[in-house]
Amino acid sequence: MSFIPLPQTVAPDWTVTTLDATRKPLTGITVREVWQPYSLEQSSHEEDRLTGVMGEVHFPRRTERSSIAGRLFSCMGQIAGTGVHASCGPHSYLVAFGRGIDTIDWTDPEQEDGTKLPWQRSVLVLKH
């Protein structure tokens, strides 16, 4: 059983809304989704989308197929190769920028981290 490839969520089905400090939608903001299954791949993937008139973008759920044994052995290889700096398992996050706005401008940076859940909704609100 441990060698049968199973799907694993690498990044959730993700809807992102960008708002200014007065809670009005921000259009034309680039939202970049970055994802990587650290146990399986050495480099990350990314996709950029522009917010529309409602300040929203949507990214589809990202999955990878691998066996439990494959994930375990790959994780052990990561630890052997990079020691305390090793990362195992999937990770996804957002970077939002454009029109004079940068990632550091958002009130809650935790909204930029992906979850292991199949879906996620993040609201990025400007601090000022």
C-alpha atoms as a PDB file:
ATOM      1  CA  MET A   1       0.000   0.000   0.000  1.00  0.00           C
ATOM      2  CA  SER A   2       2.803   2.415   0.813  1.00  0.00           C
ATOM      3  CA  PHE A   3       4.028   2.361  -2.817  1.00  0.00           C
ATOM      4  CA  ILE A   4       0.705   3.271  -4.472  1.00  0.00           C
ATOM      5  CA  PRO A   5       0.729   6.859  -5.819  1.00  0.00           C
ATOM      6  CA  LEU A   6      -1.902   8.978  -4.075  1.00  0.00           C
ATOM      7  CA  PRO A   7      -2.916  12.583  -4.747  1.00  0.00           C
ATOM      8  CA  GLN A   8      -1.622  15.212  -2.362  1.00  0.00           C
ATOM      9  CA  THR A   9      -2.782  18.828  -2.224  1.00  0.00           C
ATOM     10  CA  VAL A  10       0.216  21.065  -2.881  1.00  0.00           C
ATOM     11  CA  ALA A  11      -1.773  24.322  -3.067  1.00  0.00           C
ATOM     12  CA  PRO A  12      -5.461  24.861  -2.297  1.00  0.00           C
ATOM     13  CA  ASP A  13      -8.224  25.972  -4.631  1.00  0.00           C
ATOM     14  CA  TRP A  14      -7.563  29.574  -3.710  1.00  0.00           C
ATOM     15  CA  THR A  15      -9.684  32.700  -4.061  1.00  0.00           C
ATOM     16  CA  VAL A  16      -7.868  35.906  -3.175  1.00  0.00           C
ATOM     17  CA  THR A  17      -9.457  39.326  -2.677  1.00  0.00           C
ATOM     18  CA  THR A  18      -7.351  42.488  -2.476  1.00  0.00           C
ATOM     19  CA  LEU A  19      -8.791  45.542  -0.716  1.00  0.00           C
ATOM     20  CA  ASP A  20      -7.500  48.993   0.160  1.00  0.00           C
ATOM     21  CA  ALA A  21      -7.622  50.350   3.729  1.00  0.00           C
ATOM     22  CA  THR A  22     -11.225  51.543   3.194  1.00  0.00           C
ATOM     23  CA  ARG A  23     -12.192  48.015   2.046  1.00  0.00           C
ATOM     24  CA  LYS A  24     -12.609  48.958  -1.635  1.00  0.00           C
ATOM     25  CA  PRO A  25     -11.443  46.370  -4.188  1.00  0.00           C
ATOM     26  CA  LEU A  26      -8.021  46.890  -5.746  1.00  0.00           C
ATOM     27  CA  THR A  27      -7.977  46.223  -9.481  1.00  0.00           C
ATOM     28  CA  GLY A  28      -4.903  45.525 -11.558  1.00  0.00           C
ATOM     29  CA  ILE A  29      -2.863  44.063  -8.689  1.00  0.00           C
ATOM     30  CA  THR A  30      -0.626  41.134  -9.610  1.00  0.00           C
ATOM     31  CA  VAL A  31      -1.125  38.164  -7.312  1.00  0.00           C
ATOM     32  CA  ARG A  32       1.478  35.442  -7.660  1.00  0.00           C
ATOM     33  CA  GLU A  33       0.860  31.960  -6.325  1.00  0.00           C
ATOM     34  CA  VAL A  34       4.026  29.989  -5.565  1.00  0.00           C
ATOM     35  CA  TRP A  35       3.919  26.291  -4.711  1.00  0.00           C
ATOM     36  CA  GLN A  36       6.386  23.477  -4.205  1.00  0.00           C
ATOM     37  CA  PRO A  37       6.157  19.907  -2.963  1.00  0.00           C
ATOM     38  CA  TYR A  38       9.532  20.034  -1.171  1.00  0.00           C
ATOM     39  CA  SER A  39       9.720  16.280  -0.719  1.00  0.00           C
ATOM     40  CA  LEU A  40       9.290  15.698  -4.456  1.00  0.00           C
ATOM     41  CA  GLU A  41      10.840  18.628  -6.336  1.00  0.00           C
ATOM     42  CA  GLN A  42      13.905  20.839  -6.057  1.00  0.00           C
ATOM     43  CA  SER A  43      12.322  23.998  -7.523  1.00  0.00           C
ATOM     44  CA  SER A  44       9.080  25.888  -7.071  1.00  0.00           C
ATOM     45  CA  HIS A  45       6.331  26.750  -9.541  1.00  0.00           C
ATOM     46  CA  GLU A  46       4.508  30.044  -9.875  1.00  0.00           C
ATOM     47  CA  GLU A  47       1.597  31.631 -11.679  1.00  0.00           C
ATOM     48  CA  ASP A  48       0.629  35.310 -11.892  1.00  0.00           C
ATOM     49  CA  ARG A  49      -2.905  36.640 -12.227  1.00  0.00           C
ATOM     50  CA  LEU A  50      -4.289  40.188 -12.226  1.00  0.00           C
ATOM     51  CA  THR A  51      -7.163  41.196  -9.970  1.00  0.00           C
ATOM     52  CA  GLY A  52     -10.375  42.194 -11.724  1.00  0.00           C
ATOM     53  CA  VAL A  53     -12.895  44.919 -10.899  1.00  0.00           C
ATOM     54  CA  MET A  54     -13.916  43.121  -7.682  1.00  0.00           C
ATOM     55  CA  GLY A  55     -10.275  42.842  -6.596  1.00  0.00           C
ATOM     56  CA  GLU A  56     -10.350  39.035  -6.910  1.00  0.00           C
ATOM     57  CA  VAL A  57      -8.248  36.343  -8.489  1.00  0.00           C
ATOM     58  CA  HIS A  58      -8.695  32.603  -8.375  1.00  0.00           C
ATOM     59  CA  PHE A  59      -6.102  29.840  -8.555  1.00  0.00           C
ATOM     60  CA  PRO A  60      -7.026  26.181  -9.068  1.00  0.00           C
ATOM     61  CA  ARG A  61      -6.141  23.449  -6.621  1.00  0.00           C
ATOM     62  CA  ARG A  62      -2.688  21.991  -7.310  1.00  0.00           C
ATOM     63  CA  THR A  63      -2.053  18.303  -6.656  1.00  0.00           C
ATOM     64  CA  GLU A  64       0.836  15.901  -7.101  1.00  0.00           C
ATOM     65  CA  ARG A  65       0.698  12.135  -7.071  1.00  0.00           C
ATOM     66  CA  SER A  66       3.249  10.215  -5.051  1.00  0.00           C
ATOM     67  CA  SER A  67       3.388   7.244  -2.748  1.00  0.00           C
ATOM     68  CA  ILE A  68       3.730   7.506   1.010  1.00  0.00           C
ATOM     69  CA  ALA A  69       7.037   5.654   0.779  1.00  0.00           C
ATOM     70  CA  GLY A  70       8.236   8.036  -1.942  1.00  0.00           C
ATOM     71  CA  ARG A  71       7.349  11.056   0.212  1.00  0.00           C
ATOM     72  CA  LEU A  72       9.146   9.571   3.202  1.00  0.00           C
ATOM     73  CA  PHE A  73      12.324   8.688   1.277  1.00  0.00           C
ATOM     74  CA  SER A  74      12.353  12.075  -0.465  1.00  0.00           C
ATOM     75  CA  CYS A  75      11.976  13.852   2.866  1.00  0.00           C
ATOM     76  CA  MET A  76      14.844  11.841   4.326  1.00  0.00           C
ATOM     77  CA  GLY A  77      16.928  12.829   1.282  1.00  0.00           C
ATOM     78  CA  GLN A  78      16.073  16.503   1.872  1.00  0.00           C
ATOM     79  CA  ILE A  79      17.182  16.221   5.503  1.00  0.00           C
ATOM     80  CA  ALA A  80      20.397  14.402   4.525  1.00  0.00           C
ATOM     81  CA  GLY A  81      21.175  17.014   1.869  1.00  0.00           C
ATOM     82  CA  THR A  82      20.347  20.242   3.695  1.00  0.00           C
ATOM     83  CA  GLY A  83      20.273  19.333   7.391  1.00  0.00           C
ATOM     84  CA  VAL A  84      18.466  21.817   9.635  1.00  0.00           C
ATOM     85  CA  HIS A  85      17.378  23.864   6.596  1.00  0.00           C
ATOM     86  CA  ALA A  86      15.394  20.961   5.118  1.00  0.00           C
ATOM     87  CA  SER A  87      11.765  21.339   4.122  1.00  0.00           C
ATOM     88  CA  CYS A  88       9.431  18.416   3.644  1.00  0.00           C
ATOM     89  CA  GLY A  89       5.953  18.258   2.236  1.00  0.00           C
ATOM     90  CA  PRO A  90       3.995  20.790   0.210  1.00  0.00           C
ATOM     91  CA  HIS A  91       4.109  24.543   0.680  1.00  0.00           C
ATOM     92  CA  SER A  92       2.280  27.367  -1.071  1.00  0.00           C
ATOM     93  CA  TYR A  93       2.100  31.105  -0.607  1.00  0.00           C
ATOM     94  CA  LEU A  94       1.086  34.352  -2.294  1.00  0.00           C
ATOM     95  CA  VAL A  95       2.993  37.434  -3.301  1.00  0.00           C
ATOM     96  CA  ALA A  96       0.885  40.449  -4.278  1.00  0.00           C
ATOM     97  CA  PHE A  97       2.278  43.587  -5.878  1.00  0.00           C
ATOM     98  CA  GLY A  98       1.671  46.360  -8.390  1.00  0.00           C
ATOM     99  CA  ARG A  99       0.486  49.944  -8.562  1.00  0.00           C
ATOM    100  CA  GLY A 100       2.919  50.929  -5.789  1.00  0.00           C
ATOM    101  CA  ILE A 101       1.850  48.052  -3.524  1.00  0.00           C
ATOM    102  CA  ASP A 102       4.161  45.397  -2.154  1.00  0.00           C
ATOM    103  CA  THR A 103       3.714  42.313   0.017  1.00  0.00           C
ATOM    104  CA  ILE A 104       4.825  44.215   3.125  1.00  0.00           C
ATOM    105  CA  ASP A 105       1.812  46.538   2.767  1.00  0.00           C
ATOM    106  CA  TRP A 106      -0.802  43.946   3.830  1.00  0.00           C
ATOM    107  CA  THR A 107      -2.308  44.030   7.345  1.00  0.00           C
ATOM    108  CA  ASP A 108      -2.264  40.252   7.894  1.00  0.00           C
ATOM    109  CA  PRO A 109       0.684  38.491   6.228  1.00  0.00           C
ATOM    110  CA  GLU A 110      -0.680  35.120   7.376  1.00  0.00           C
ATOM    111  CA  GLN A 111      -3.334  35.440   4.639  1.00  0.00           C
ATOM    112  CA  GLU A 112      -0.526  34.818   2.159  1.00  0.00           C
ATOM    113  CA  ASP A 113       0.280  31.306   3.392  1.00  0.00           C
ATOM    114  CA  GLY A 114      -1.460  28.350   1.812  1.00  0.00           C
ATOM    115  CA  THR A 115      -3.047  25.508   3.727  1.00  0.00           C
ATOM    116  CA  LYS A 116      -3.164  21.766   3.228  1.00  0.00           C
ATOM    117  CA  LEU A 117      -6.961  22.029   2.912  1.00  0.00           C
ATOM    118  CA  PRO A 118      -8.475  21.528  -0.553  1.00  0.00           C
ATOM    119  CA  TRP A 119      -9.755  25.155  -0.666  1.00  0.00           C
ATOM    120  CA  GLN A 120      -8.870  28.505   0.833  1.00  0.00           C
ATOM    121  CA  ARG A 121     -10.082  32.081   0.744  1.00  0.00           C
ATOM    122  CA  SER A 122      -7.680  34.922   1.563  1.00  0.00           C
ATOM    123  CA  VAL A 123      -8.466  38.611   1.918  1.00  0.00           C
ATOM    124  CA  LEU A 124      -5.483  40.920   1.584  1.00  0.00           C
ATOM    125  CA  VAL A 125      -6.188  44.354   3.067  1.00  0.00           C
ATOM    126  CA  LEU A 126      -3.767  47.274   2.863  1.00  0.00           C
ATOM    127  CA  LYS A 127      -2.457  48.683   6.152  1.00  0.00           C
ATOM    128  CA  HIS A 128      -2.734  52.296   5.028  1.00  0.00           C
END
